[in-house]
Amino acid sequence: MKRAAQLKPEPAGYRPSAPPPDAAVRWPDSFGTRFAVFVDTEEEFDWSQPLARENRGTQAMDALPGIHALFADHGVPATYMIDDPIVRCGRSVDILRGIIADGGSAIGSQLHPWVNPPHDELVSPRNSFLGNLPRDLQAAKIAALTDGIAAAFGRRPVMMRTGRYGLGPDTLGLLAAAGYRVDTSMRSGYNYAAEGGPDYRRIPNQAFKAGEGELIEIPLTTVYTGALRRGGIGLHEALGRVPRGRGIASRLRLASRVALTPEDMPIELALKAIKVAADSDVRLLMFSYHSPSAAPGYTPYVRDAAELAEFRRWWERAFDMLDKLGIAPASHDQILTALAEATDRP
């Protein structure tokens, strides 16, 4: 009798080490404590279905100026991290040109491998993380996206976010070689290993020198709130091993893990997280959202007009709190200027 064939487990994803203390960015005193909004500006697709190369729709971009106007009303610039379907859509490029005419907002890169040429890999969950692809294929995809953005906007992007936070051991070196100065792919405290992706549980919120040329990593901010917040990621993981443990701890205001985004993150938790972060040593709070959430029906976070109104209120309340705490917005170029000063220090 033949034994049933056993499936090989997927290789472990990338697990970067915690940066050494001397790698931390020492922001200039004049920078203060600031916040920035980076928008994952991308095609729309059904989040419940498998990824497909054919999913290149960009209709939700028509709604982006309305959300940007809300930001402008609060004096908040945004950095739009655009991917291949966006840069190859003339209408989307025109929309973004109008947006960045505010003088503060800017364009960066976001790479979704499954829709970014060259298409030399199979589309699969594991291959949706750029860092899992062969080194040469990663480099080719980075070059195609970077050159496309430079051609469309007349300026080479210098900030990157790999889609799905998908770094690998070669990716940061490839970004540095391509002229990037900032990567924002790491999501502090999050682990995507179950999907074949990277594990960022060792990564802090603070910006740090990535060890690849002059590249700086600015992780997405994750804040632990509640009476037991000092338990941090260790407590969060322990609660995950208890049935409904995280939900119960959050409802009892004992412990919550909070990402600075309106997508699936209640505003009351976010406001508490902003207050906690303001008292920490994090000098740049990183907020984000996906551009299709600017219109109803394109993401699980904004399914109808009521949820879009709540999405807008989330930002208004967050901006009001940040203003009360004296935390000013930082533009793409202001961040670059501060980083240049920080890295010039002895």
C-alpha atoms as a PDB file:
ATOM      1  CA  MET A   1       0.000   0.000   0.000  1.00  0.00           C
ATOM      2  CA  LYS A   2       1.414   3.354  -1.032  1.00  0.00           C
ATOM      3  CA  ARG A   3       1.745   6.078   1.527  1.00  0.00           C
ATOM      4  CA  ALA A   4      -0.086   9.306   0.746  1.00  0.00           C
ATOM      5  CA  ALA A   5       2.187  11.979  -0.659  1.00  0.00           C
ATOM      6  CA  GLN A   6       2.971  14.679   1.851  1.00  0.00           C
ATOM      7  CA  LEU A   7       2.909  18.297   0.817  1.00  0.00           C
ATOM      8  CA  LYS A   8       6.128  20.147   1.468  1.00  0.00           C
ATOM      9  CA  PRO A   9       5.684  23.098   3.791  1.00  0.00           C
ATOM     10  CA  GLU A  10       6.213  26.507   2.265  1.00  0.00           C
ATOM     11  CA  PRO A  11       9.677  27.907   2.973  1.00  0.00           C
ATOM     12  CA  ALA A  12       9.723  30.410   5.790  1.00  0.00           C
ATOM     13  CA  GLY A  13       9.395  34.041   4.761  1.00  0.00           C
ATOM     14  CA  TYR A  14      11.851  36.824   5.472  1.00  0.00           C
ATOM     15  CA  ARG A  15      12.416  37.608   9.141  1.00  0.00           C
ATOM     16  CA  PRO A  16      14.546  40.730   9.537  1.00  0.00           C
ATOM     17  CA  SER A  17      16.408  41.189  12.779  1.00  0.00           C
ATOM     18  CA  ALA A  18      15.783  44.104  15.073  1.00  0.00           C
ATOM     19  CA  PRO A  19      18.038  46.992  14.026  1.00  0.00           C
ATOM     20  CA  PRO A  20      20.987  47.725  16.325  1.00  0.00           C
ATOM     21  CA  PRO A  21      20.600  50.786  18.569  1.00  0.00           C
ATOM     22  CA  ASP A  22      23.128  52.814  16.574  1.00  0.00           C
ATOM     23  CA  ALA A  23      21.028  52.385  13.411  1.00  0.00           C
ATOM     24  CA  ALA A  24      18.159  54.487  14.800  1.00  0.00           C
ATOM     25  CA  VAL A  25      17.572  57.763  12.970  1.00  0.00           C
ATOM     26  CA  ARG A  26      18.286  60.767  15.187  1.00  0.00           C
ATOM     27  CA  TRP A  27      15.764  63.243  13.847  1.00  0.00           C
ATOM     28  CA  PRO A  28      16.770  66.919  14.100  1.00  0.00           C
ATOM     29  CA  ASP A  29      15.321  68.726  17.096  1.00  0.00           C
ATOM     30  CA  SER A  30      13.664  71.143  14.686  1.00  0.00           C
ATOM     31  CA  PHE A  31      11.631  68.285  13.199  1.00  0.00           C
ATOM     32  CA  GLY A  32       9.791  67.706  16.467  1.00  0.00           C
ATOM     33  CA  THR A  33       7.208  64.929  16.528  1.00  0.00           C
ATOM     34  CA  ARG A  34       5.377  64.719  13.219  1.00  0.00           C
ATOM     35  CA  PHE A  35       2.972  62.493  11.317  1.00  0.00           C
ATOM     36  CA  ALA A  36       2.734  61.495   7.661  1.00  0.00           C
ATOM     37  CA  VAL A  37       0.069  59.878   5.483  1.00  0.00           C
ATOM     38  CA  PHE A  38       1.193  57.395   2.846  1.00  0.00           C
ATOM     39  CA  VAL A  39      -1.534  56.158   0.486  1.00  0.00           C
ATOM     40  CA  ASP A  40      -1.310  52.713  -1.129  1.00  0.00           C
ATOM     41  CA  THR A  41      -2.494  53.992  -4.513  1.00  0.00           C
ATOM     42  CA  GLU A  42      -3.524  50.944  -6.475  1.00  0.00           C
ATOM     43  CA  GLU A  43      -5.974  49.109  -8.716  1.00  0.00           C
ATOM     44  CA  GLU A  44      -9.203  47.753  -7.307  1.00  0.00           C
ATOM     45  CA  PHE A  45      -9.933  44.035  -6.973  1.00  0.00           C
ATOM     46  CA  ASP A  46     -12.111  41.662  -4.983  1.00  0.00           C
ATOM     47  CA  TRP A  47     -10.175  41.122  -1.773  1.00  0.00           C
ATOM     48  CA  SER A  48     -11.976  37.828  -1.149  1.00  0.00           C
ATOM     49  CA  GLN A  49     -10.819  36.266  -4.441  1.00  0.00           C
ATOM     50  CA  PRO A  50      -7.427  35.016  -5.636  1.00  0.00           C
ATOM     51  CA  LEU A  51      -5.096  37.616  -7.112  1.00  0.00           C
ATOM     52  CA  ALA A  52      -5.102  37.886 -10.900  1.00  0.00           C
ATOM     53  CA  ARG A  53      -3.080  39.803 -13.471  1.00  0.00           C
ATOM     54  CA  GLU A  54      -6.284  40.893 -15.178  1.00  0.00           C
ATOM     55  CA  ASN A  55      -7.367  42.970 -12.170  1.00  0.00           C
ATOM     56  CA  ARG A  56      -6.201  46.397 -13.316  1.00  0.00           C
ATOM     57  CA  GLY A  57      -9.316  48.536 -12.857  1.00  0.00           C
ATOM     58  CA  THR A  58      -8.790  52.108 -11.674  1.00  0.00           C
ATOM     59  CA  GLN A  59     -12.316  53.543 -11.468  1.00  0.00           C
ATOM     60  CA  ALA A  60     -11.950  54.328  -7.760  1.00  0.00           C
ATOM     61  CA  MET A  61      -9.279  56.899  -8.623  1.00  0.00           C
ATOM     62  CA  ASP A  62     -12.056  59.275  -9.684  1.00  0.00           C
ATOM     63  CA  ALA A  63     -12.977  59.632  -6.002  1.00  0.00           C
ATOM     64  CA  LEU A  64      -9.441  60.329  -4.774  1.00  0.00           C
ATOM     65  CA  PRO A  65      -9.534  64.138  -5.200  1.00  0.00           C
ATOM     66  CA  GLY A  66     -12.513  64.283  -2.826  1.00  0.00           C
ATOM     67  CA  ILE A  67     -10.556  62.612  -0.027  1.00  0.00           C
ATOM     68  CA  HIS A  68      -7.493  64.682  -0.846  1.00  0.00           C
ATOM     69  CA  ALA A  69      -9.596  67.842  -0.510  1.00  0.00           C
ATOM     70  CA  LEU A  70     -10.479  66.775   3.031  1.00  0.00           C
ATOM     71  CA  PHE A  71      -6.754  66.422   3.741  1.00  0.00           C
ATOM     72  CA  ALA A  72      -6.047  69.814   2.178  1.00  0.00           C
ATOM     73  CA  ASP A  73      -8.686  71.428   4.383  1.00  0.00           C
ATOM     74  CA  HIS A  74      -6.605  70.300   7.376  1.00  0.00           C
ATOM     75  CA  GLY A  75      -3.271  71.276   5.817  1.00  0.00           C
ATOM     76  CA  VAL A  76      -2.190  67.646   5.463  1.00  0.00           C
ATOM     77  CA  PRO A  77      -0.127  66.577   2.426  1.00  0.00           C
ATOM     78  CA  ALA A  78      -0.007  62.918   1.398  1.00  0.00           C
ATOM     79  CA  THR A  79       2.486  60.713  -0.394  1.00  0.00           C
ATOM     80  CA  TYR A  80       0.808  58.555  -3.034  1.00  0.00           C
ATOM     81  CA  MET A  81       2.603  55.224  -3.421  1.00  0.00           C
ATOM     82  CA  ILE A  82       1.492  54.217  -6.896  1.00  0.00           C
ATOM     83  CA  ASP A  83       1.737  50.861  -8.638  1.00  0.00           C
ATOM     84  CA  ASP A  84       1.865  49.700 -12.254  1.00  0.00           C
ATOM     85  CA  PRO A  85      -1.864  49.792 -13.144  1.00  0.00           C
ATOM     86  CA  ILE A  86      -2.054  53.368 -11.846  1.00  0.00           C
ATOM     87  CA  VAL A  87       1.009  54.684 -13.679  1.00  0.00           C
ATOM     88  CA  ARG A  88      -0.142  53.085 -16.937  1.00  0.00           C
ATOM     89  CA  CYS A  89      -3.602  54.673 -16.688  1.00  0.00           C
ATOM     90  CA  GLY A  90      -3.590  58.144 -18.270  1.00  0.00           C
ATOM     91  CA  ARG A  91      -6.671  59.257 -16.334  1.00  0.00           C
ATOM     92  CA  SER A  92      -5.107  58.227 -13.020  1.00  0.00           C
ATOM     93  CA  VAL A  93      -1.870  60.034 -13.834  1.00  0.00           C
ATOM     94  CA  ASP A  94      -3.812  63.207 -14.662  1.00  0.00           C
ATOM     95  CA  ILE A  95      -5.721  62.954 -11.375  1.00  0.00           C
ATOM     96  CA  LEU A  96      -2.493  62.583  -9.416  1.00  0.00           C
ATOM     97  CA  ARG A  97      -0.826  65.454 -11.265  1.00  0.00           C
ATOM     98  CA  GLY A  98      -3.679  67.662 -10.136  1.00  0.00           C
ATOM     99  CA  ILE A  99      -3.384  66.430  -6.561  1.00  0.00           C
ATOM    100  CA  ILE A 100       0.361  66.955  -6.216  1.00  0.00           C
ATOM    101  CA  ALA A 101       0.006  70.474  -7.584  1.00  0.00           C
ATOM    102  CA  ASP A 102      -0.687  71.432  -3.952  1.00  0.00           C
ATOM    103  CA  GLY A 103       3.104  71.648  -3.559  1.00  0.00           C
ATOM    104  CA  GLY A 104       3.273  69.321  -0.547  1.00  0.00           C
ATOM    105  CA  SER A 105       1.971  66.003  -1.751  1.00  0.00           C
ATOM    106  CA  ALA A 106       4.212  63.720  -3.785  1.00  0.00           C
ATOM    107  CA  ILE A 107       4.537  60.424  -5.625  1.00  0.00           C
ATOM    108  CA  GLY A 108       6.258  57.263  -4.406  1.00  0.00           C
ATOM    109  CA  SER A 109       6.269  53.645  -5.580  1.00  0.00           C
ATOM    110  CA  GLN A 110       4.242  50.617  -4.552  1.00  0.00           C
ATOM    111  CA  LEU A 111       4.969  47.304  -6.220  1.00  0.00           C
ATOM    112  CA  HIS A 112       2.297  44.628  -6.651  1.00  0.00           C
ATOM    113  CA  PRO A 113       4.297  41.819  -8.310  1.00  0.00           C
ATOM    114  CA  TRP A 114       1.296  40.102  -9.897  1.00  0.00           C
ATOM    115  CA  VAL A 115       0.406  43.150 -12.022  1.00  0.00           C
ATOM    116  CA  ASN A 116       3.920  44.555 -12.462  1.00  0.00           C
ATOM    117  CA  PRO A 117       6.009  43.491 -15.487  1.00  0.00           C
ATOM    118  CA  PRO A 118       7.954  41.471 -16.338  1.00  0.00           C
ATOM    119  CA  HIS A 119       5.445  38.668 -15.770  1.00  0.00           C
ATOM    120  CA  ASP A 120       7.884  35.773 -15.440  1.00  0.00           C
ATOM    121  CA  GLU A 121       6.451  34.188 -12.283  1.00  0.00           C
ATOM    122  CA  LEU A 122       3.304  32.242 -11.483  1.00  0.00           C
ATOM    123  CA  VAL A 123       0.625  34.239  -9.689  1.00  0.00           C
ATOM    124  CA  SER A 124       0.314  32.728  -6.229  1.00  0.00           C
ATOM    125  CA  PRO A 125      -0.062  33.902  -2.627  1.00  0.00           C
ATOM    126  CA  ARG A 126       3.632  33.353  -1.938  1.00  0.00           C
ATOM    127  CA  ASN A 127       4.707  35.193  -5.092  1.00  0.00           C
ATOM    128  CA  SER A 128       2.549  38.170  -4.144  1.00  0.00           C
ATOM    129  CA  PHE A 129       5.384  39.109  -1.763  1.00  0.00           C
ATOM    130  CA  LEU A 130       8.079  40.720  -3.928  1.00  0.00           C
ATOM    131  CA  GLY A 131      10.907  39.493  -1.728  1.00  0.00           C
ATOM    132  CA  ASN A 132      10.071  35.846  -2.459  1.00  0.00           C
ATOM    133  CA  LEU A 133      10.876  36.247  -6.161  1.00  0.00           C
ATOM    134  CA  PRO A 134      14.326  35.636  -7.665  1.00  0.00           C
ATOM    135  CA  ARG A 135      16.698  38.535  -7.214  1.00  0.00           C
ATOM    136  CA  ASP A 136      16.942  39.373 -10.937  1.00  0.00           C
ATOM    137  CA  LEU A 137      13.157  39.336 -11.343  1.00  0.00           C
ATOM    138  CA  GLN A 138      12.757  41.652  -8.355  1.00  0.00           C
ATOM    139  CA  ALA A 139      15.273  44.044  -9.883  1.00  0.00           C
ATOM    140  CA  ALA A 140      13.498  43.979 -13.236  1.00  0.00           C
ATOM    141  CA  LYS A 141      10.113  44.718 -11.677  1.00  0.00           C
ATOM    142  CA  ILE A 142      11.552  47.559  -9.581  1.00  0.00           C
ATOM    143  CA  ALA A 143      13.165  49.059 -12.695  1.00  0.00           C
ATOM    144  CA  ALA A 144       9.969  48.800 -14.764  1.00  0.00           C
ATOM    145  CA  LEU A 145       7.875  50.555 -12.116  1.00  0.00           C
ATOM    146  CA  THR A 146      10.476  53.202 -11.296  1.00  0.00           C
ATOM    147  CA  ASP A 147      11.056  54.082 -14.947  1.00  0.00           C
ATOM    148  CA  GLY A 148       7.310  54.219 -15.592  1.00  0.00           C
ATOM    149  CA  ILE A 149       6.748  56.668 -12.739  1.00  0.00           C
ATOM    150  CA  ALA A 150       9.700  58.815 -13.833  1.00  0.00           C
ATOM    151  CA  ALA A 151       8.310  58.986 -17.370  1.00  0.00           C
ATOM    152  CA  ALA A 152       4.797  59.879 -16.177  1.00  0.00           C
ATOM    153  CA  PHE A 153       5.728  62.507 -13.578  1.00  0.00           C
ATOM    154  CA  GLY A 154       9.150  63.756 -14.642  1.00  0.00           C
ATOM    155  CA  ARG A 155      10.742  62.817 -11.320  1.00  0.00           C
ATOM    156  CA  ARG A 156      12.173  59.496 -10.209  1.00  0.00           C
ATOM    157  CA  PRO A 157      10.513  58.205  -7.043  1.00  0.00           C
ATOM    158  CA  VAL A 158      12.762  57.808  -4.018  1.00  0.00           C
ATOM    159  CA  MET A 159      10.304  56.258  -1.562  1.00  0.00           C
ATOM    160  CA  MET A 160       9.012  52.695  -1.956  1.00  0.00           C
ATOM    161  CA  ARG A 161       6.485  50.391  -0.348  1.00  0.00           C
ATOM    162  CA  THR A 162       6.446  46.825  -1.569  1.00  0.00           C
ATOM    163  CA  GLY A 163       2.833  45.689  -1.888  1.00  0.00           C
ATOM    164  CA  ARG A 164       1.675  43.430   0.936  1.00  0.00           C
ATOM    165  CA  TYR A 165       4.726  44.674   2.937  1.00  0.00           C
ATOM    166  CA  GLY A 166       6.613  42.067   0.926  1.00  0.00           C
ATOM    167  CA  LEU A 167      10.324  42.522   1.528  1.00  0.00           C
ATOM    168  CA  GLY A 168      12.850  39.712   1.214  1.00  0.00           C
ATOM    169  CA  PRO A 169      16.558  39.435   2.067  1.00  0.00           C
ATOM    170  CA  ASP A 170      17.585  40.960  -1.302  1.00  0.00           C
ATOM    171  CA  THR A 171      14.949  43.661  -1.678  1.00  0.00           C
ATOM    172  CA  LEU A 172      16.398  46.534   0.340  1.00  0.00           C
ATOM    173  CA  GLY A 173      19.746  46.235  -1.449  1.00  0.00           C
ATOM    174  CA  LEU A 174      17.968  46.306  -4.804  1.00  0.00           C
ATOM    175  CA  LEU A 175      16.005  49.404  -3.801  1.00  0.00           C
ATOM    176  CA  ALA A 176      19.183  51.185  -2.701  1.00  0.00           C
ATOM    177  CA  ALA A 177      20.860  50.276  -5.996  1.00  0.00           C
ATOM    178  CA  ALA A 178      17.853  51.675  -7.882  1.00  0.00           C
ATOM    179  CA  GLY A 179      18.256  55.048  -6.171  1.00  0.00           C
ATOM    180  CA  TYR A 180      15.619  54.785  -3.460  1.00  0.00           C
ATOM    181  CA  ARG A 181      16.291  56.638  -0.226  1.00  0.00           C
ATOM    182  CA  VAL A 182      13.345  55.456   1.904  1.00  0.00           C
ATOM    183  CA  ASP A 183      11.489  52.178   2.224  1.00  0.00           C
ATOM    184  CA  THR A 184       8.177  51.955   4.112  1.00  0.00           C
ATOM    185  CA  SER A 185       7.438  48.238   3.674  1.00  0.00           C
ATOM    186  CA  MET A 186       7.952  47.072   7.230  1.00  0.00           C
ATOM    187  CA  ARG A 187       4.865  46.964   9.437  1.00  0.00           C
ATOM    188  CA  SER A 188       6.011  47.024  13.029  1.00  0.00           C
ATOM    189  CA  GLY A 189       4.668  44.131  15.097  1.00  0.00           C
ATOM    190  CA  TYR A 190       2.949  42.277  12.234  1.00  0.00           C
ATOM    191  CA  ASN A 191       3.691  38.770  10.977  1.00  0.00           C
ATOM    192  CA  TYR A 192       2.760  37.468   7.505  1.00  0.00           C
ATOM    193  CA  ALA A 193       4.654  34.174   7.753  1.00  0.00           C
ATOM    194  CA  ALA A 194       1.466  32.095   7.589  1.00  0.00           C
ATOM    195  CA  GLU A 195       1.036  33.354   4.009  1.00  0.00           C
ATOM    196  CA  GLY A 196       4.696  32.893   3.112  1.00  0.00           C
ATOM    197  CA  GLY A 197       5.426  36.553   3.790  1.00  0.00           C
ATOM    198  CA  PRO A 198       7.767  38.427   6.120  1.00  0.00           C
ATOM    199  CA  ASP A 199       7.707  38.566   9.905  1.00  0.00           C
ATOM    200  CA  TYR A 200       8.135  42.065  11.348  1.00  0.00           C
ATOM    201  CA  ARG A 201       7.608  41.263  15.008  1.00  0.00           C
ATOM    202  CA  ARG A 202      11.155  42.347  15.823  1.00  0.00           C
ATOM    203  CA  ILE A 203      10.838  45.677  14.037  1.00  0.00           C
ATOM    204  CA  PRO A 204      10.272  48.821  16.146  1.00  0.00           C
ATOM    205  CA  ASN A 205       8.281  51.900  15.174  1.00  0.00           C
ATOM    206  CA  GLN A 206      11.362  54.094  14.976  1.00  0.00           C
ATOM    207  CA  ALA A 207      12.986  54.879  11.628  1.00  0.00           C
ATOM    208  CA  PHE A 208      16.393  53.291  11.150  1.00  0.00           C
ATOM    209  CA  LYS A 209      19.281  52.961   8.715  1.00  0.00           C
ATOM    210  CA  ALA A 210      18.596  49.808   6.766  1.00  0.00           C
ATOM    211  CA  GLY A 211      22.238  48.840   6.256  1.00  0.00           C
ATOM    212  CA  GLU A 212      21.933  49.046   2.474  1.00  0.00           C
ATOM    213  CA  GLY A 213      23.697  52.131   1.165  1.00  0.00           C
ATOM    214  CA  GLU A 214      21.939  55.227   2.480  1.00  0.00           C
ATOM    215  CA  LEU A 215      18.502  53.599   2.543  1.00  0.00           C
ATOM    216  CA  ILE A 216      16.295  54.452   5.525  1.00  0.00           C
ATOM    217  CA  GLU A 217      13.460  52.231   6.717  1.00  0.00           C
ATOM    218  CA  ILE A 218      10.423  54.039   8.125  1.00  0.00           C
ATOM    219  CA  PRO A 219       8.107  51.325   9.465  1.00  0.00           C
ATOM    220  CA  LEU A 220       4.366  51.708   9.605  1.00  0.00           C
ATOM    221  CA  THR A 221       3.444  52.625  13.167  1.00  0.00           C
ATOM    222  CA  THR A 222       1.852  50.085  15.507  1.00  0.00           C
ATOM    223  CA  VAL A 223       0.754  51.178  18.975  1.00  0.00           C
ATOM    224  CA  TYR A 224      -0.322  49.046  21.941  1.00  0.00           C
ATOM    225  CA  THR A 225      -2.997  50.629  24.109  1.00  0.00           C
ATOM    226  CA  GLY A 226      -4.899  49.690  27.258  1.00  0.00           C
ATOM    227  CA  ALA A 227      -4.066  49.119  30.908  1.00  0.00           C
ATOM    228  CA  LEU A 228      -1.709  46.262  29.987  1.00  0.00           C
ATOM    229  CA  ARG A 229      -0.151  47.943  26.945  1.00  0.00           C
ATOM    230  CA  ARG A 230       3.370  47.550  28.302  1.00  0.00           C
ATOM    231  CA  GLY A 231       2.978  43.853  27.544  1.00  0.00           C
ATOM    232  CA  GLY A 232       3.318  44.851  23.898  1.00  0.00           C
ATOM    233  CA  ILE A 233       3.667  42.232  21.230  1.00  0.00           C
ATOM    234  CA  GLY A 234       4.359  39.448  23.725  1.00  0.00           C
ATOM    235  CA  LEU A 235       0.981  39.938  25.376  1.00  0.00           C
ATOM    236  CA  HIS A 236      -0.725  40.365  21.996  1.00  0.00           C
ATOM    237  CA  GLU A 237       0.607  36.994  20.843  1.00  0.00           C
ATOM    238  CA  ALA A 238      -0.296  35.299  24.114  1.00  0.00           C
ATOM    239  CA  LEU A 239      -3.860  36.602  23.823  1.00  0.00           C
ATOM    240  CA  GLY A 240      -3.988  35.177  20.311  1.00  0.00           C
ATOM    241  CA  ARG A 241      -3.592  31.693  21.757  1.00  0.00           C
ATOM    242  CA  VAL A 242      -6.711  32.134  23.883  1.00  0.00           C
ATOM    243  CA  PRO A 243     -10.113  31.798  22.146  1.00  0.00           C
ATOM    244  CA  ARG A 244     -11.386  35.341  21.503  1.00  0.00           C
ATOM    245  CA  GLY A 245      -8.648  36.574  23.839  1.00  0.00           C
ATOM    246  CA  ARG A 246      -7.694  39.636  21.826  1.00  0.00           C
ATOM    247  CA  GLY A 247     -11.272  40.766  21.342  1.00  0.00           C
ATOM    248  CA  ILE A 248     -12.091  40.372  25.029  1.00  0.00           C
ATOM    249  CA  ALA A 249      -8.925  42.215  26.100  1.00  0.00           C
ATOM    250  CA  SER A 250      -9.744  45.061  23.723  1.00  0.00           C
ATOM    251  CA  ARG A 251     -13.357  45.371  24.886  1.00  0.00           C
ATOM    252  CA  LEU A 252     -12.182  45.448  28.506  1.00  0.00           C
ATOM    253  CA  ARG A 253      -9.659  48.144  27.570  1.00  0.00           C
ATOM    254  CA  LEU A 254      -6.809  45.965  28.761  1.00  0.00           C
ATOM    255  CA  ALA A 255      -4.810  45.612  25.563  1.00  0.00           C
ATOM    256  CA  SER A 256      -5.243  46.446  21.881  1.00  0.00           C
ATOM    257  CA  ARG A 257      -2.860  46.463  18.928  1.00  0.00           C
ATOM    258  CA  VAL A 258      -3.605  49.575  16.888  1.00  0.00           C
ATOM    259  CA  ALA A 259      -2.444  50.421  13.382  1.00  0.00           C
ATOM    260  CA  LEU A 260      -2.807  54.058  12.317  1.00  0.00           C
ATOM    261  CA  THR A 261      -5.361  53.536   9.568  1.00  0.00           C
ATOM    262  CA  PRO A 262      -9.139  54.004   9.264  1.00  0.00           C
ATOM    263  CA  GLU A 263      -9.382  50.584   7.639  1.00  0.00           C
ATOM    264  CA  ASP A 264     -10.795  48.165  10.197  1.00  0.00           C
ATOM    265  CA  MET A 265      -9.506  50.324  13.059  1.00  0.00           C
ATOM    266  CA  PRO A 266     -12.129  52.133  15.191  1.00  0.00           C
ATOM    267  CA  ILE A 267     -11.435  55.818  15.696  1.00  0.00           C
ATOM    268  CA  GLU A 268     -11.677  55.603  19.498  1.00  0.00           C
ATOM    269  CA  LEU A 269      -8.814  53.102  19.540  1.00  0.00           C
ATOM    270  CA  ALA A 270      -6.854  55.234  17.081  1.00  0.00           C
ATOM    271  CA  LEU A 271      -7.263  58.362  19.227  1.00  0.00           C
ATOM    272  CA  LYS A 272      -5.944  56.486  22.262  1.00  0.00           C
ATOM    273  CA  ALA A 273      -3.053  55.210  20.179  1.00  0.00           C
ATOM    274  CA  ILE A 274      -2.173  58.730  19.042  1.00  0.00           C
ATOM    275  CA  LYS A 275      -2.049  59.879  22.671  1.00  0.00           C
ATOM    276  CA  VAL A 276       0.173  56.926  23.632  1.00  0.00           C
ATOM    277  CA  ALA A 277       2.465  57.536  20.651  1.00  0.00           C
ATOM    278  CA  ALA A 278       2.742  61.229  21.518  1.00  0.00           C
ATOM    279  CA  ASP A 279       4.299  60.247  24.849  1.00  0.00           C
ATOM    280  CA  SER A 280       6.723  57.770  23.286  1.00  0.00           C
ATOM    281  CA  ASP A 281      10.061  58.204  21.521  1.00  0.00           C
ATOM    282  CA  VAL A 282       8.530  57.757  18.069  1.00  0.00           C
ATOM    283  CA  ARG A 283       9.204  60.977  16.155  1.00  0.00           C
ATOM    284  CA  LEU A 284       7.288  60.193  12.957  1.00  0.00           C
ATOM    285  CA  LEU A 285       3.857  58.553  13.148  1.00  0.00           C
ATOM    286  CA  MET A 286       3.002  56.759   9.902  1.00  0.00           C
ATOM    287  CA  PHE A 287      -0.652  56.681   8.796  1.00  0.00           C
ATOM    288  CA  SER A 288      -1.935  54.860   5.727  1.00  0.00           C
ATOM    289  CA  TYR A 289      -4.947  53.736   3.707  1.00  0.00           C
ATOM    290  CA  HIS A 290      -5.674  52.079   0.343  1.00  0.00           C
ATOM    291  CA  SER A 291      -6.804  54.450  -2.408  1.00  0.00           C
ATOM    292  CA  PRO A 292      -9.845  52.329  -3.455  1.00  0.00           C
ATOM    293  CA  SER A 293     -11.324  53.074  -0.013  1.00  0.00           C
ATOM    294  CA  ALA A 294     -11.983  56.595  -1.341  1.00  0.00           C
ATOM    295  CA  ALA A 295     -15.140  55.239  -3.001  1.00  0.00           C
ATOM    296  CA  PRO A 296     -17.787  52.783  -1.761  1.00  0.00           C
ATOM    297  CA  GLY A 297     -17.693  49.169  -2.838  1.00  0.00           C
ATOM    298  CA  TYR A 298     -14.028  48.625  -3.686  1.00  0.00           C
ATOM    299  CA  THR A 299     -12.568  47.465  -0.361  1.00  0.00           C
ATOM    300  CA  PRO A 300     -13.992  45.581   2.619  1.00  0.00           C
ATOM    301  CA  TYR A 301     -13.485  48.739   4.683  1.00  0.00           C
ATOM    302  CA  VAL A 302     -15.760  51.098   2.730  1.00  0.00           C
ATOM    303  CA  ARG A 303     -18.694  49.136   1.369  1.00  0.00           C
ATOM    304  CA  ASP A 304     -21.355  51.849   1.135  1.00  0.00           C
ATOM    305  CA  ALA A 305     -22.031  55.579   1.491  1.00  0.00           C
ATOM    306  CA  ALA A 306     -22.444  55.327   5.258  1.00  0.00           C
ATOM    307  CA  GLU A 307     -19.034  53.707   5.670  1.00  0.00           C
ATOM    308  CA  LEU A 308     -17.471  56.321   3.393  1.00  0.00           C
ATOM    309  CA  ALA A 309     -18.894  59.056   5.626  1.00  0.00           C
ATOM    310  CA  GLU A 310     -17.420  57.264   8.648  1.00  0.00           C
ATOM    311  CA  PHE A 311     -14.084  56.945   6.814  1.00  0.00           C
ATOM    312  CA  ARG A 312     -14.040  60.701   6.318  1.00  0.00           C
ATOM    313  CA  ARG A 313     -15.009  61.378   9.961  1.00  0.00           C
ATOM    314  CA  TRP A 314     -12.183  59.087  11.090  1.00  0.00           C
ATOM    315  CA  TRP A 315      -9.638  61.343   9.398  1.00  0.00           C
ATOM    316  CA  GLU A 316     -11.237  64.542  10.665  1.00  0.00           C
ATOM    317  CA  ARG A 317     -11.151  63.340  14.262  1.00  0.00           C
ATOM    318  CA  ALA A 318      -7.603  62.031  13.929  1.00  0.00           C
ATOM    319  CA  PHE A 319      -6.390  65.327  12.466  1.00  0.00           C
ATOM    320  CA  ASP A 320      -8.125  67.261  15.244  1.00  0.00           C
ATOM    321  CA  MET A 321      -6.424  65.123  17.895  1.00  0.00           C
ATOM    322  CA  LEU A 322      -3.021  65.467  16.277  1.00  0.00           C
ATOM    323  CA  ASP A 323      -3.471  69.236  16.112  1.00  0.00           C
ATOM    324  CA  LYS A 324      -4.425  69.429  19.799  1.00  0.00           C
ATOM    325  CA  LEU A 325      -1.295  67.476  20.691  1.00  0.00           C
ATOM    326  CA  GLY A 326       0.909  69.751  18.604  1.00  0.00           C
ATOM    327  CA  ILE A 327       1.873  66.977  16.161  1.00  0.00           C
ATOM    328  CA  ALA A 328       2.233  68.611  12.747  1.00  0.00           C
ATOM    329  CA  PRO A 329       2.075  66.874   9.362  1.00  0.00           C
ATOM    330  CA  ALA A 330       5.275  66.143   7.456  1.00  0.00           C
ATOM    331  CA  SER A 331       5.413  66.112   3.680  1.00  0.00           C
ATOM    332  CA  HIS A 332       7.478  63.778   1.512  1.00  0.00           C
ATOM    333  CA  ASP A 333      10.123  66.441   0.937  1.00  0.00           C
ATOM    334  CA  GLN A 334      10.185  67.597   4.563  1.00  0.00           C
ATOM    335  CA  ILE A 335      10.915  64.005   5.593  1.00  0.00           C
ATOM    336  CA  LEU A 336      13.745  63.778   3.067  1.00  0.00           C
ATOM    337  CA  THR A 337      15.235  67.061   4.275  1.00  0.00           C
ATOM    338  CA  ALA A 338      15.108  65.971   7.915  1.00  0.00           C
ATOM    339  CA  LEU A 339      16.650  62.598   7.040  1.00  0.00           C
ATOM    340  CA  ALA A 340      19.466  64.300   5.158  1.00  0.00           C
ATOM    341  CA  GLU A 341      20.248  66.395   8.225  1.00  0.00           C
ATOM    342  CA  ALA A 342      19.995  63.357  10.510  1.00  0.00           C
ATOM    343  CA  THR A 343      22.321  61.204   8.437  1.00  0.00           C
ATOM    344  CA  ASP A 344      24.875  64.023   8.082  1.00  0.00           C
ATOM    345  CA  ARG A 345      25.396  64.020  11.840  1.00  0.00           C
ATOM    346  CA  PRO A 346      28.629  62.450  13.110  1.00  0.00           C
END
